[in-house]
Amino acid sequence: MAAVSSLRPQIQFADFDKVDVRVGTIVEAEPFPEARRPAYKLRVDFGEAIGIKRSSAQITRHYKTDELIGRQVAAVVNFPSKQIGKVMSEVLVLGFPDETGEVVLVSVTHKVPNGGKLF
């Protein structure tokens, strides 16, 4: 079982409000063999205002590329871009660790418009 980390220091709502978490639909998913740990290269559509963004996600344990297409996921869209191998990751797709530490994606239970902001 994966260890549960301790709580972080308490923050103010203004701190939380700085993190821009949006919903988007995965429109492309492909293997990322150059990654150090097994991962996929994703393209996620966040709607007209934000557009389609790239990400790298270590989600190969629970997901196949063809199963990801059309899935809505939550992602942080206001981090600076980060070079991950040959991929420039523009957003951080969010997930929780399962009992072995493998990532399970955060997703919505009902379809919502792409680009919707978490509140």
PDB file of N, CA and C in Angstrom:
ATOM      1  N   MET A   1       0.838  -1.184   0.000  1.00  0.00           N
ATOM      2  CA  MET A   1       0.000   0.000   0.000  1.00  0.00           C
ATOM      3  C   MET A   1       0.882   1.246   0.000  1.00  0.00           C
ATOM      4  N   ALA A   2       0.529   2.222  -0.843  1.00  0.00           N
ATOM      5  CA  ALA A   2       1.302   3.452  -0.929  1.00  0.00           C
ATOM      6  C   ALA A   2       1.126   4.265   0.350  1.00  0.00           C
ATOM      7  N   ALA A   3       2.199   4.902   0.781  1.00  0.00           N
ATOM      8  CA  ALA A   3       2.139   5.716   1.991  1.00  0.00           C
ATOM      9  C   ALA A   3       1.342   6.989   1.724  1.00  0.00           C
ATOM     10  N   VAL A   4       0.568   7.408   2.697  1.00  0.00           N
ATOM     11  CA  VAL A   4      -0.177   8.656   2.602  1.00  0.00           C
ATOM     12  C   VAL A   4       0.714   9.747   3.157  1.00  0.00           C
ATOM     13  N   SER A   5       0.937  10.789   2.358  1.00  0.00           N
ATOM     14  CA  SER A   5       1.803  11.869   2.829  1.00  0.00           C
ATOM     15  C   SER A   5       1.067  12.711   3.863  1.00  0.00           C
ATOM     16  N   SER A   6       1.847  13.388   4.685  1.00  0.00           N
ATOM     17  CA  SER A   6       1.234  14.234   5.711  1.00  0.00           C
ATOM     18  C   SER A   6       0.622  15.468   5.058  1.00  0.00           C
ATOM     19  N   LEU A   7      -0.278  16.090   5.774  1.00  0.00           N
ATOM     20  CA  LEU A   7      -0.915  17.292   5.263  1.00  0.00           C
ATOM     21  C   LEU A   7       0.096  18.406   5.093  1.00  0.00           C
ATOM     22  N   ARG A   8      -0.119  19.217   4.096  1.00  0.00           N
ATOM     23  CA  ARG A   8       0.732  20.389   3.865  1.00  0.00           C
ATOM     24  C   ARG A   8       0.220  21.534   4.714  1.00  0.00           C
ATOM     25  N   PRO A   9       1.019  22.608   4.832  1.00  0.00           N
ATOM     26  CA  PRO A   9       0.570  23.755   5.638  1.00  0.00           C
ATOM     27  C   PRO A   9      -0.747  24.326   5.118  1.00  0.00           C
ATOM     28  N   GLN A  10      -1.544  24.849   6.013  1.00  0.00           N
ATOM     29  CA  GLN A  10      -2.812  25.460   5.651  1.00  0.00           C
ATOM     30  C   GLN A  10      -2.562  26.660   4.749  1.00  0.00           C
ATOM     31  N   ILE A  11      -3.447  26.842   3.754  1.00  0.00           N
ATOM     32  CA  ILE A  11      -3.331  27.974   2.833  1.00  0.00           C
ATOM     33  C   ILE A  11      -4.605  28.800   2.880  1.00  0.00           C
ATOM     34  N   GLN A  12      -4.539  29.975   2.306  1.00  0.00           N
ATOM     35  CA  GLN A  12      -5.705  30.845   2.181  1.00  0.00           C
ATOM     36  C   GLN A  12      -6.391  30.553   0.845  1.00  0.00           C
ATOM     37  N   PHE A  13      -7.670  30.909   0.728  1.00  0.00           N
ATOM     38  CA  PHE A  13      -8.389  30.684  -0.519  1.00  0.00           C
ATOM     39  C   PHE A  13      -7.676  31.362  -1.690  1.00  0.00           C
ATOM     40  N   ALA A  14      -7.087  32.513  -1.457  1.00  0.00           N
ATOM     41  CA  ALA A  14      -6.373  33.225  -2.535  1.00  0.00           C
ATOM     42  C   ALA A  14      -5.242  32.372  -3.095  1.00  0.00           C
ATOM     43  N   ASP A  15      -4.598  31.553  -2.252  1.00  0.00           N
ATOM     44  CA  ASP A  15      -3.540  30.658  -2.727  1.00  0.00           C
ATOM     45  C   ASP A  15      -4.125  29.595  -3.655  1.00  0.00           C
ATOM     46  N   PHE A  16      -5.227  28.979  -3.237  1.00  0.00           N
ATOM     47  CA  PHE A  16      -5.904  27.971  -4.057  1.00  0.00           C
ATOM     48  C   PHE A  16      -6.360  28.581  -5.376  1.00  0.00           C
ATOM     49  N   ASP A  17      -6.866  29.798  -5.326  1.00  0.00           N
ATOM     50  CA  ASP A  17      -7.408  30.463  -6.501  1.00  0.00           C
ATOM     51  C   ASP A  17      -6.339  30.739  -7.566  1.00  0.00           C
ATOM     52  N   LYS A  18      -5.073  30.714  -7.185  1.00  0.00           N
ATOM     53  CA  LYS A  18      -3.978  30.919  -8.152  1.00  0.00           C
ATOM     54  C   LYS A  18      -3.770  29.703  -9.047  1.00  0.00           C
ATOM     55  N   VAL A  19      -4.189  28.532  -8.580  1.00  0.00           N
ATOM     56  CA  VAL A  19      -4.020  27.305  -9.356  1.00  0.00           C
ATOM     57  C   VAL A  19      -5.214  27.171 -10.296  1.00  0.00           C
ATOM     58  N   ASP A  20      -4.951  27.185 -11.590  1.00  0.00           N
ATOM     59  CA  ASP A  20      -6.008  27.148 -12.594  1.00  0.00           C
ATOM     60  C   ASP A  20      -6.215  25.704 -13.059  1.00  0.00           C
ATOM     61  N   VAL A  21      -7.204  25.026 -12.448  1.00  0.00           N
ATOM     62  CA  VAL A  21      -7.517  23.639 -12.799  1.00  0.00           C
ATOM     63  C   VAL A  21      -8.726  23.666 -13.722  1.00  0.00           C
ATOM     64  N   ARG A  22      -8.553  23.096 -14.908  1.00  0.00           N
ATOM     65  CA  ARG A  22      -9.610  23.077 -15.926  1.00  0.00           C
ATOM     66  C   ARG A  22      -9.887  21.646 -16.366  1.00  0.00           C
ATOM     67  N   VAL A  23     -11.048  21.468 -16.975  1.00  0.00           N
ATOM     68  CA  VAL A  23     -11.409  20.179 -17.547  1.00  0.00           C
ATOM     69  C   VAL A  23     -11.158  20.235 -19.053  1.00  0.00           C
ATOM     70  N   GLY A  24     -10.656  19.127 -19.572  1.00  0.00           N
ATOM     71  CA  GLY A  24     -10.425  19.025 -21.003  1.00  0.00           C
ATOM     72  C   GLY A  24     -10.662  17.603 -21.466  1.00  0.00           C
ATOM     73  N   THR A  25     -10.790  17.440 -22.769  1.00  0.00           N
ATOM     74  CA  THR A  25     -11.019  16.132 -23.366  1.00  0.00           C
ATOM     75  C   THR A  25      -9.757  15.670 -24.088  1.00  0.00           C
ATOM     76  N   ILE A  26      -9.317  14.457 -23.784  1.00  0.00           N
ATOM     77  CA  ILE A  26      -8.141  13.903 -24.457  1.00  0.00           C
ATOM     78  C   ILE A  26      -8.525  13.617 -25.907  1.00  0.00           C
ATOM     79  N   VAL A  27      -7.791  14.228 -26.836  1.00  0.00           N
ATOM     80  CA  VAL A  27      -8.063  14.042 -28.257  1.00  0.00           C
ATOM     81  C   VAL A  27      -6.995  13.195 -28.941  1.00  0.00           C
ATOM     82  N   GLU A  28      -5.870  13.013 -28.264  1.00  0.00           N
ATOM     83  CA  GLU A  28      -4.791  12.194 -28.826  1.00  0.00           C
ATOM     84  C   GLU A  28      -3.971  11.605 -27.681  1.00  0.00           C
ATOM     85  N   ALA A  29      -3.634  10.334 -27.808  1.00  0.00           N
ATOM     86  CA  ALA A  29      -2.795   9.652 -26.816  1.00  0.00           C
ATOM     87  C   ALA A  29      -1.914   8.667 -27.564  1.00  0.00           C
ATOM     88  N   GLU A  30      -0.606   8.736 -27.286  1.00  0.00           N
ATOM     89  CA  GLU A  30       0.311   7.813 -27.946  1.00  0.00           C
ATOM     90  C   GLU A  30       1.435   7.432 -26.990  1.00  0.00           C
ATOM     91  N   PRO A  31       2.051   6.281 -27.224  1.00  0.00           N
ATOM     92  CA  PRO A  31       3.162   5.858 -26.368  1.00  0.00           C
ATOM     93  C   PRO A  31       4.275   6.901 -26.367  1.00  0.00           C
ATOM     94  N   PHE A  32       5.000   6.947 -25.274  1.00  0.00           N
ATOM     95  CA  PHE A  32       6.135   7.859 -25.107  1.00  0.00           C
ATOM     96  C   PHE A  32       7.341   7.006 -24.706  1.00  0.00           C
ATOM     97  N   PRO A  33       7.904   6.241 -25.657  1.00  0.00           N
ATOM     98  CA  PRO A  33       8.965   5.279 -25.328  1.00  0.00           C
ATOM     99  C   PRO A  33      10.258   5.922 -24.812  1.00  0.00           C
ATOM    100  N   GLU A  34      10.465   7.209 -25.095  1.00  0.00           N
ATOM    101  CA  GLU A  34      11.687   7.878 -24.633  1.00  0.00           C
ATOM    102  C   GLU A  34      11.630   8.273 -23.159  1.00  0.00           C
ATOM    103  N   ALA A  35      10.466   8.219 -22.550  1.00  0.00           N
ATOM    104  CA  ALA A  35      10.314   8.614 -21.144  1.00  0.00           C
ATOM    105  C   ALA A  35      11.073   7.651 -20.231  1.00  0.00           C
ATOM    106  N   ARG A  36      11.565   8.174 -19.106  1.00  0.00           N
ATOM    107  CA  ARG A  36      12.287   7.335 -18.132  1.00  0.00           C
ATOM    108  C   ARG A  36      11.378   6.283 -17.524  1.00  0.00           C
ATOM    109  N   ARG A  37      10.156   6.679 -17.178  1.00  0.00           N
ATOM    110  CA  ARG A  37       9.135   5.746 -16.665  1.00  0.00           C
ATOM    111  C   ARG A  37       8.057   5.638 -17.729  1.00  0.00           C
ATOM    112  N   PRO A  38       7.409   4.490 -17.838  1.00  0.00           N
ATOM    113  CA  PRO A  38       6.376   4.331 -18.864  1.00  0.00           C
ATOM    114  C   PRO A  38       5.358   5.473 -18.818  1.00  0.00           C
ATOM    115  N   ALA A  39       5.111   6.070 -19.987  1.00  0.00           N
ATOM    116  CA  ALA A  39       4.222   7.231 -20.060  1.00  0.00           C
ATOM    117  C   ALA A  39       3.583   7.315 -21.442  1.00  0.00           C
ATOM    118  N   TYR A  40       2.587   8.180 -21.526  1.00  0.00           N
ATOM    119  CA  TYR A  40       1.947   8.506 -22.795  1.00  0.00           C
ATOM    120  C   TYR A  40       2.122   9.988 -23.080  1.00  0.00           C
ATOM    121  N   LYS A  41       2.140  10.329 -24.356  1.00  0.00           N
ATOM    122  CA  LYS A  41       2.053  11.721 -24.794  1.00  0.00           C
ATOM    123  C   LYS A  41       0.575  11.986 -25.058  1.00  0.00           C
ATOM    124  N   LEU A  42       0.060  13.052 -24.462  1.00  0.00           N
ATOM    125  CA  LEU A  42      -1.351  13.390 -24.602  1.00  0.00           C
ATOM    126  C   LEU A  42      -1.517  14.762 -25.237  1.00  0.00           C
ATOM    127  N   ARG A  43      -2.617  14.921 -25.955  1.00  0.00           N
ATOM    128  CA  ARG A  43      -3.086  16.233 -26.408  1.00  0.00           C
ATOM    129  C   ARG A  43      -4.496  16.355 -25.854  1.00  0.00           C
ATOM    130  N   VAL A  44      -4.717  17.453 -25.124  1.00  0.00           N
ATOM    131  CA  VAL A  44      -5.975  17.647 -24.413  1.00  0.00           C
ATOM    132  C   VAL A  44      -6.630  18.941 -24.884  1.00  0.00           C
ATOM    133  N   ASP A  45      -7.904  18.859 -25.264  1.00  0.00           N
ATOM    134  CA  ASP A  45      -8.662  20.011 -25.747  1.00  0.00           C
ATOM    135  C   ASP A  45      -9.358  20.688 -24.571  1.00  0.00           C
ATOM    136  N   PHE A  46      -8.973  21.939 -24.303  1.00  0.00           N
ATOM    137  CA  PHE A  46      -9.553  22.717 -23.214  1.00  0.00           C
ATOM    138  C   PHE A  46     -10.527  23.779 -23.721  1.00  0.00           C
ATOM    139  N   GLY A  47     -11.012  23.619 -24.928  1.00  0.00           N
ATOM    140  CA  GLY A  47     -11.989  24.560 -25.476  1.00  0.00           C
ATOM    141  C   GLY A  47     -11.330  25.729 -26.178  1.00  0.00           C
ATOM    142  N   GLU A  48     -12.177  26.567 -26.739  1.00  0.00           N
ATOM    143  CA  GLU A  48     -11.716  27.662 -27.598  1.00  0.00           C
ATOM    144  C   GLU A  48     -10.782  28.646 -26.904  1.00  0.00           C
ATOM    145  N   ALA A  49     -11.058  29.007 -25.665  1.00  0.00           N
ATOM    146  CA  ALA A  49     -10.260  30.028 -24.970  1.00  0.00           C
ATOM    147  C   ALA A  49      -8.833  29.562 -24.667  1.00  0.00           C
ATOM    148  N   ILE A  50      -8.640  28.272 -24.394  1.00  0.00           N
ATOM    149  CA  ILE A  50      -7.319  27.748 -24.018  1.00  0.00           C
ATOM    150  C   ILE A  50      -6.701  26.947 -25.158  1.00  0.00           C
ATOM    151  N   GLY A  51      -7.505  26.183 -25.865  1.00  0.00           N
ATOM    152  CA  GLY A  51      -7.027  25.404 -27.001  1.00  0.00           C
ATOM    153  C   GLY A  51      -6.569  24.005 -26.604  1.00  0.00           C
ATOM    154  N   ILE A  52      -5.849  23.383 -27.518  1.00  0.00           N
ATOM    155  CA  ILE A  52      -5.324  22.034 -27.312  1.00  0.00           C
ATOM    156  C   ILE A  52      -3.911  22.147 -26.756  1.00  0.00           C
ATOM    157  N   LYS A  53      -3.661  21.452 -25.654  1.00  0.00           N
ATOM    158  CA  LYS A  53      -2.364  21.496 -24.975  1.00  0.00           C
ATOM    159  C   LYS A  53      -1.770  20.100 -24.885  1.00  0.00           C
ATOM    160  N   ARG A  54      -0.439  20.043 -24.817  1.00  0.00           N
ATOM    161  CA  ARG A  54       0.284  18.764 -24.708  1.00  0.00           C
ATOM    162  C   ARG A  54       0.657  18.473 -23.264  1.00  0.00           C
ATOM    163  N   SER A  55       0.754  17.174 -22.985  1.00  0.00           N
ATOM    164  CA  SER A  55       1.178  16.736 -21.665  1.00  0.00           C
ATOM    165  C   SER A  55       1.809  15.354 -21.780  1.00  0.00           C
ATOM    166  N   SER A  56       2.592  15.011 -20.781  1.00  0.00           N
ATOM    167  CA  SER A  56       3.129  13.661 -20.629  1.00  0.00           C
ATOM    168  C   SER A  56       2.517  13.114 -19.347  1.00  0.00           C
ATOM    169  N   ALA A  57       2.037  11.867 -19.394  1.00  0.00           N
ATOM    170  CA  ALA A  57       1.377  11.315 -18.215  1.00  0.00           C
ATOM    171  C   ALA A  57       1.802   9.868 -17.998  1.00  0.00           C
ATOM    172  N   GLN A  58       2.195   9.561 -16.768  1.00  0.00           N
ATOM    173  CA  GLN A  58       2.605   8.202 -16.398  1.00  0.00           C
ATOM    174  C   GLN A  58       1.377   7.419 -15.956  1.00  0.00           C
ATOM    175  N   ILE A  59       0.560   7.057 -16.941  1.00  0.00           N
ATOM    176  CA  ILE A  59      -0.735   6.426 -16.665  1.00  0.00           C
ATOM    177  C   ILE A  59      -0.888   5.101 -17.405  1.00  0.00           C
ATOM    178  N   THR A  60       0.218   4.485 -17.772  1.00  0.00           N
ATOM    179  CA  THR A  60       0.163   3.272 -18.598  1.00  0.00           C
ATOM    180  C   THR A  60      -0.369   2.049 -17.860  1.00  0.00           C
ATOM    181  N   ARG A  61      -0.318   2.042 -16.559  1.00  0.00           N
ATOM    182  CA  ARG A  61      -0.754   0.878 -15.777  1.00  0.00           C
ATOM    183  C   ARG A  61      -2.263   0.629 -15.904  1.00  0.00           C
ATOM    184  N   HIS A  62      -3.043   1.704 -15.840  1.00  0.00           N
ATOM    185  CA  HIS A  62      -4.492   1.563 -15.812  1.00  0.00           C
ATOM    186  C   HIS A  62      -5.196   1.929 -17.114  1.00  0.00           C
ATOM    187  N   TYR A  63      -4.466   2.501 -18.079  1.00  0.00           N
ATOM    188  CA  TYR A  63      -5.125   3.021 -19.274  1.00  0.00           C
ATOM    189  C   TYR A  63      -4.391   2.598 -20.541  1.00  0.00           C
ATOM    190  N   LYS A  64      -5.160   2.326 -21.584  1.00  0.00           N
ATOM    191  CA  LYS A  64      -4.636   2.073 -22.928  1.00  0.00           C
ATOM    192  C   LYS A  64      -4.895   3.338 -23.741  1.00  0.00           C
ATOM    193  N   THR A  65      -4.045   3.607 -24.719  1.00  0.00           N
ATOM    194  CA  THR A  65      -4.177   4.850 -25.486  1.00  0.00           C
ATOM    195  C   THR A  65      -5.563   4.998 -26.110  1.00  0.00           C
ATOM    196  N   ASP A  66      -6.103   3.931 -26.693  1.00  0.00           N
ATOM    197  CA  ASP A  66      -7.402   4.040 -27.353  1.00  0.00           C
ATOM    198  C   ASP A  66      -8.546   4.274 -26.358  1.00  0.00           C
ATOM    199  N   GLU A  67      -8.375   3.876 -25.110  1.00  0.00           N
ATOM    200  CA  GLU A  67      -9.392   4.103 -24.084  1.00  0.00           C
ATOM    201  C   GLU A  67      -9.382   5.550 -23.576  1.00  0.00           C
ATOM    202  N   LEU A  68      -8.289   6.246 -23.809  1.00  0.00           N
ATOM    203  CA  LEU A  68      -8.160   7.612 -23.308  1.00  0.00           C
ATOM    204  C   LEU A  68      -8.848   8.639 -24.208  1.00  0.00           C
ATOM    205  N   ILE A  69      -8.941   8.348 -25.494  1.00  0.00           N
ATOM    206  CA  ILE A  69      -9.531   9.291 -26.432  1.00  0.00           C
ATOM    207  C   ILE A  69     -10.993   9.546 -26.041  1.00  0.00           C
ATOM    208  N   GLY A  70     -11.338  10.826 -25.893  1.00  0.00           N
ATOM    209  CA  GLY A  70     -12.696  11.208 -25.520  1.00  0.00           C
ATOM    210  C   GLY A  70     -12.919  11.318 -24.024  1.00  0.00           C
ATOM    211  N   ARG A  71     -11.953  10.896 -23.215  1.00  0.00           N
ATOM    212  CA  ARG A  71     -12.080  10.967 -21.747  1.00  0.00           C
ATOM    213  C   ARG A  71     -11.813  12.400 -21.281  1.00  0.00           C
ATOM    214  N   GLN A  72     -12.684  12.889 -20.415  1.00  0.00           N
ATOM    215  CA  GLN A  72     -12.460  14.204 -19.826  1.00  0.00           C
ATOM    216  C   GLN A  72     -11.607  14.056 -18.572  1.00  0.00           C
ATOM    217  N   VAL A  73     -10.626  14.944 -18.440  1.00  0.00           N
ATOM    218  CA  VAL A  73      -9.695  14.911 -17.316  1.00  0.00           C
ATOM    219  C   VAL A  73      -9.525  16.313 -16.750  1.00  0.00           C
ATOM    220  N   ALA A  74      -9.031  16.374 -15.524  1.00  0.00           N
ATOM    221  CA  ALA A  74      -8.699  17.641 -14.881  1.00  0.00           C
ATOM    222  C   ALA A  74      -7.200  17.879 -15.041  1.00  0.00           C
ATOM    223  N   ALA A  75      -6.829  19.142 -15.242  1.00  0.00           N
ATOM    224  CA  ALA A  75      -5.411  19.478 -15.404  1.00  0.00           C
ATOM    225  C   ALA A  75      -5.149  20.896 -14.931  1.00  0.00           C
ATOM    226  N   VAL A  76      -3.929  21.111 -14.434  1.00  0.00           N
ATOM    227  CA  VAL A  76      -3.472  22.458 -14.107  1.00  0.00           C
ATOM    228  C   VAL A  76      -2.969  23.062 -15.414  1.00  0.00           C
ATOM    229  N   VAL A  77      -3.541  24.218 -15.790  1.00  0.00           N
ATOM    230  CA  VAL A  77      -3.195  24.817 -17.078  1.00  0.00           C
ATOM    231  C   VAL A  77      -2.314  26.057 -16.958  1.00  0.00           C
ATOM    232  N   ASN A  78      -1.967  26.472 -15.739  1.00  0.00           N
ATOM    233  CA  ASN A  78      -1.172  27.700 -15.611  1.00  0.00           C
ATOM    234  C   ASN A  78       0.212  27.487 -15.002  1.00  0.00           C
ATOM    235  N   PHE A  79       0.742  26.261 -15.087  1.00  0.00           N
ATOM    236  CA  PHE A  79       2.155  26.052 -14.776  1.00  0.00           C
ATOM    237  C   PHE A  79       2.965  26.443 -16.000  1.00  0.00           C
ATOM    238  N   PRO A  80       4.226  26.825 -15.821  1.00  0.00           N
ATOM    239  CA  PRO A  80       5.077  27.051 -16.993  1.00  0.00           C
ATOM    240  C   PRO A  80       5.285  25.722 -17.737  1.00  0.00           C
ATOM    241  N   SER A  81       5.473  25.800 -19.042  1.00  0.00           N
ATOM    242  CA  SER A  81       5.767  24.593 -19.819  1.00  0.00           C
ATOM    243  C   SER A  81       7.049  23.958 -19.304  1.00  0.00           C
ATOM    244  N   LYS A  82       7.123  22.618 -19.417  1.00  0.00           N
ATOM    245  CA  LYS A  82       8.287  21.891 -18.911  1.00  0.00           C
ATOM    246  C   LYS A  82       8.711  20.848 -19.943  1.00  0.00           C
ATOM    247  N   GLN A  83       9.994  20.832 -20.261  1.00  0.00           N
ATOM    248  CA  GLN A  83      10.528  19.849 -21.194  1.00  0.00           C
ATOM    249  C   GLN A  83      10.648  18.503 -20.494  1.00  0.00           C
ATOM    250  N   ILE A  84       9.974  17.488 -21.038  1.00  0.00           N
ATOM    251  CA  ILE A  84      10.050  16.131 -20.499  1.00  0.00           C
ATOM    252  C   ILE A  84      10.492  15.238 -21.651  1.00  0.00           C
ATOM    253  N   GLY A  85      11.776  14.927 -21.671  1.00  0.00           N
ATOM    254  CA  GLY A  85      12.309  14.182 -22.811  1.00  0.00           C
ATOM    255  C   GLY A  85      12.129  15.006 -24.069  1.00  0.00           C
ATOM    256  N   LYS A  86      11.504  14.410 -25.078  1.00  0.00           N
ATOM    257  CA  LYS A  86      11.274  15.113 -26.342  1.00  0.00           C
ATOM    258  C   LYS A  86       9.929  15.840 -26.378  1.00  0.00           C
ATOM    259  N   VAL A  87       9.234  15.863 -25.261  1.00  0.00           N
ATOM    260  CA  VAL A  87       7.908  16.488 -25.207  1.00  0.00           C
ATOM    261  C   VAL A  87       7.956  17.755 -24.358  1.00  0.00           C
ATOM    262  N   MET A  88       7.373  18.844 -24.878  1.00  0.00           N
ATOM    263  CA  MET A  88       7.193  20.051 -24.087  1.00  0.00           C
ATOM    264  C   MET A  88       5.811  19.953 -23.456  1.00  0.00           C
ATOM    265  N   SER A  89       5.772  19.642 -22.168  1.00  0.00           N
ATOM    266  CA  SER A  89       4.513  19.485 -21.452  1.00  0.00           C
ATOM    267  C   SER A  89       3.984  20.864 -21.085  1.00  0.00           C
ATOM    268  N   GLU A  90       2.744  21.141 -21.501  1.00  0.00           N
ATOM    269  CA  GLU A  90       2.147  22.455 -21.290  1.00  0.00           C
ATOM    270  C   GLU A  90       1.148  22.483 -20.145  1.00  0.00           C
ATOM    271  N   VAL A  91       0.651  21.317 -19.737  1.00  0.00           N
ATOM    272  CA  VAL A  91      -0.314  21.210 -18.639  1.00  0.00           C
ATOM    273  C   VAL A  91       0.030  20.000 -17.789  1.00  0.00           C
ATOM    274  N   LEU A  92      -0.442  20.001 -16.553  1.00  0.00           N
ATOM    275  CA  LEU A  92      -0.251  18.862 -15.650  1.00  0.00           C
ATOM    276  C   LEU A  92      -1.591  18.162 -15.469  1.00  0.00           C
ATOM    277  N   VAL A  93      -1.728  16.988 -16.096  1.00  0.00           N
ATOM    278  CA  VAL A  93      -2.940  16.188 -15.942  1.00  0.00           C
ATOM    279  C   VAL A  93      -2.914  15.596 -14.532  1.00  0.00           C
ATOM    280  N   LEU A  94      -4.034  15.678 -13.832  1.00  0.00           N
ATOM    281  CA  LEU A  94      -4.077  15.317 -12.417  1.00  0.00           C
ATOM    282  C   LEU A  94      -4.556  13.885 -12.178  1.00  0.00           C
ATOM    283  N   GLY A  95      -4.017  13.277 -11.128  1.00  0.00           N
ATOM    284  CA  GLY A  95      -4.418  11.935 -10.743  1.00  0.00           C
ATOM    285  C   GLY A  95      -4.078  11.676  -9.292  1.00  0.00           C
ATOM    286  N   PHE A  96      -4.580  10.554  -8.799  1.00  0.00           N
ATOM    287  CA  PHE A  96      -4.297  10.093  -7.439  1.00  0.00           C
ATOM    288  C   PHE A  96      -3.594   8.751  -7.524  1.00  0.00           C
ATOM    289  N   PRO A  97      -2.743   8.426  -6.531  1.00  0.00           N
ATOM    290  CA  PRO A  97      -2.098   7.113  -6.538  1.00  0.00           C
ATOM    291  C   PRO A  97      -3.058   6.027  -6.057  1.00  0.00           C
ATOM    292  N   ASP A  98      -2.986   4.865  -6.721  1.00  0.00           N
ATOM    293  CA  ASP A  98      -3.744   3.722  -6.216  1.00  0.00           C
ATOM    294  C   ASP A  98      -2.940   3.080  -5.094  1.00  0.00           C
ATOM    295  N   GLU A  99      -3.344   1.889  -4.649  1.00  0.00           N
ATOM    296  CA  GLU A  99      -2.680   1.236  -3.520  1.00  0.00           C
ATOM    297  C   GLU A  99      -1.228   0.873  -3.797  1.00  0.00           C
ATOM    298  N   THR A 100      -0.815   0.840  -5.076  1.00  0.00           N
ATOM    299  CA  THR A 100       0.582   0.532  -5.408  1.00  0.00           C
ATOM    300  C   THR A 100       1.352   1.759  -5.891  1.00  0.00           C
ATOM    301  N   GLY A 101       0.694   2.928  -5.872  1.00  0.00           N
ATOM    302  CA  GLY A 101       1.356   4.152  -6.287  1.00  0.00           C
ATOM    303  C   GLY A 101       1.174   4.503  -7.755  1.00  0.00           C
ATOM    304  N   GLU A 102       0.416   3.693  -8.496  1.00  0.00           N
ATOM    305  CA  GLU A 102       0.164   3.979  -9.916  1.00  0.00           C
ATOM    306  C   GLU A 102      -0.940   5.030 -10.036  1.00  0.00           C
ATOM    307  N   VAL A 103      -0.849   5.860 -11.071  1.00  0.00           N
ATOM    308  CA  VAL A 103      -1.757   6.994 -11.217  1.00  0.00           C
ATOM    309  C   VAL A 103      -3.135   6.582 -11.735  1.00  0.00           C
ATOM    310  N   VAL A 104      -4.159   7.105 -11.055  1.00  0.00           N
ATOM    311  CA  VAL A 104      -5.552   6.998 -11.487  1.00  0.00           C
ATOM    312  C   VAL A 104      -5.996   8.431 -11.784  1.00  0.00           C
ATOM    313  N   LEU A 105      -6.458   8.665 -13.002  1.00  0.00           N
ATOM    314  CA  LEU A 105      -6.809  10.014 -13.426  1.00  0.00           C
ATOM    315  C   LEU A 105      -7.977  10.608 -12.654  1.00  0.00           C
ATOM    316  N   VAL A 106      -7.915  11.918 -12.437  1.00  0.00           N
ATOM    317  CA  VAL A 106      -9.046  12.674 -11.924  1.00  0.00           C
ATOM    318  C   VAL A 106      -9.925  12.956 -13.139  1.00  0.00           C
ATOM    319  N   SER A 107     -11.188  12.628 -13.035  1.00  0.00           N
ATOM    320  CA  SER A 107     -12.088  12.874 -14.159  1.00  0.00           C
ATOM    321  C   SER A 107     -13.457  13.280 -13.626  1.00  0.00           C
ATOM    322  N   VAL A 108     -14.313  13.716 -14.538  1.00  0.00           N
ATOM    323  CA  VAL A 108     -15.660  14.140 -14.150  1.00  0.00           C
ATOM    324  C   VAL A 108     -16.630  12.972 -14.337  1.00  0.00           C
ATOM    325  N   THR A 109     -17.728  12.998 -13.592  1.00  0.00           N
ATOM    326  CA  THR A 109     -18.701  11.907 -13.686  1.00  0.00           C
ATOM    327  C   THR A 109     -19.781  12.187 -14.733  1.00  0.00           C
ATOM    328  N   HIS A 110     -19.930  13.449 -15.139  1.00  0.00           N
ATOM    329  CA  HIS A 110     -20.871  13.853 -16.191  1.00  0.00           C
ATOM    330  C   HIS A 110     -20.129  14.765 -17.152  1.00  0.00           C
ATOM    331  N   LYS A 111     -20.422  14.654 -18.427  1.00  0.00           N
ATOM    332  CA  LYS A 111     -19.755  15.488 -19.421  1.00  0.00           C
ATOM    333  C   LYS A 111     -20.031  16.961 -19.131  1.00  0.00           C
ATOM    334  N   VAL A 112     -18.976  17.756 -19.179  1.00  0.00           N
ATOM    335  CA  VAL A 112     -19.065  19.202 -18.976  1.00  0.00           C
ATOM    336  C   VAL A 112     -18.321  19.898 -20.105  1.00  0.00           C
ATOM    337  N   PRO A 113     -18.571  21.191 -20.329  1.00  0.00           N
ATOM    338  CA  PRO A 113     -17.878  21.896 -21.404  1.00  0.00           C
ATOM    339  C   PRO A 113     -16.361  21.944 -21.139  1.00  0.00           C
ATOM    340  N   ASN A 114     -15.582  21.700 -22.188  1.00  0.00           N
ATOM    341  CA  ASN A 114     -14.130  21.813 -22.073  1.00  0.00           C
ATOM    342  C   ASN A 114     -13.751  23.219 -21.638  1.00  0.00           C
ATOM    343  N   GLY A 115     -12.753  23.317 -20.772  1.00  0.00           N
ATOM    344  CA  GLY A 115     -12.285  24.597 -20.286  1.00  0.00           C
ATOM    345  C   GLY A 115     -12.922  25.025 -18.991  1.00  0.00           C
ATOM    346  N   GLY A 116     -13.905  24.264 -18.502  1.00  0.00           N
ATOM    347  CA  GLY A 116     -14.552  24.621 -17.238  1.00  0.00           C
ATOM    348  C   GLY A 116     -13.531  24.644 -16.108  1.00  0.00           C
ATOM    349  N   LYS A 117     -13.654  25.655 -15.243  1.00  0.00           N
ATOM    350  CA  LYS A 117     -12.694  25.855 -14.142  1.00  0.00           C
ATOM    351  C   LYS A 117     -13.187  25.174 -12.873  1.00  0.00           C
ATOM    352  N   LEU A 118     -12.284  24.485 -12.201  1.00  0.00           N
ATOM    353  CA  LEU A 118     -12.582  23.874 -10.909  1.00  0.00           C
ATOM    354  C   LEU A 118     -12.822  24.968  -9.883  1.00  0.00           C
ATOM    355  N   PHE A 119     -13.856  24.790  -9.077  1.00  0.00           N
ATOM    356  CA  PHE A 119     -14.094  25.726  -7.958  1.00  0.00           C
ATOM    357  C   PHE A 119     -14.613  24.966  -6.782  1.00  0.00           C
TER     358      PHE A 119
END
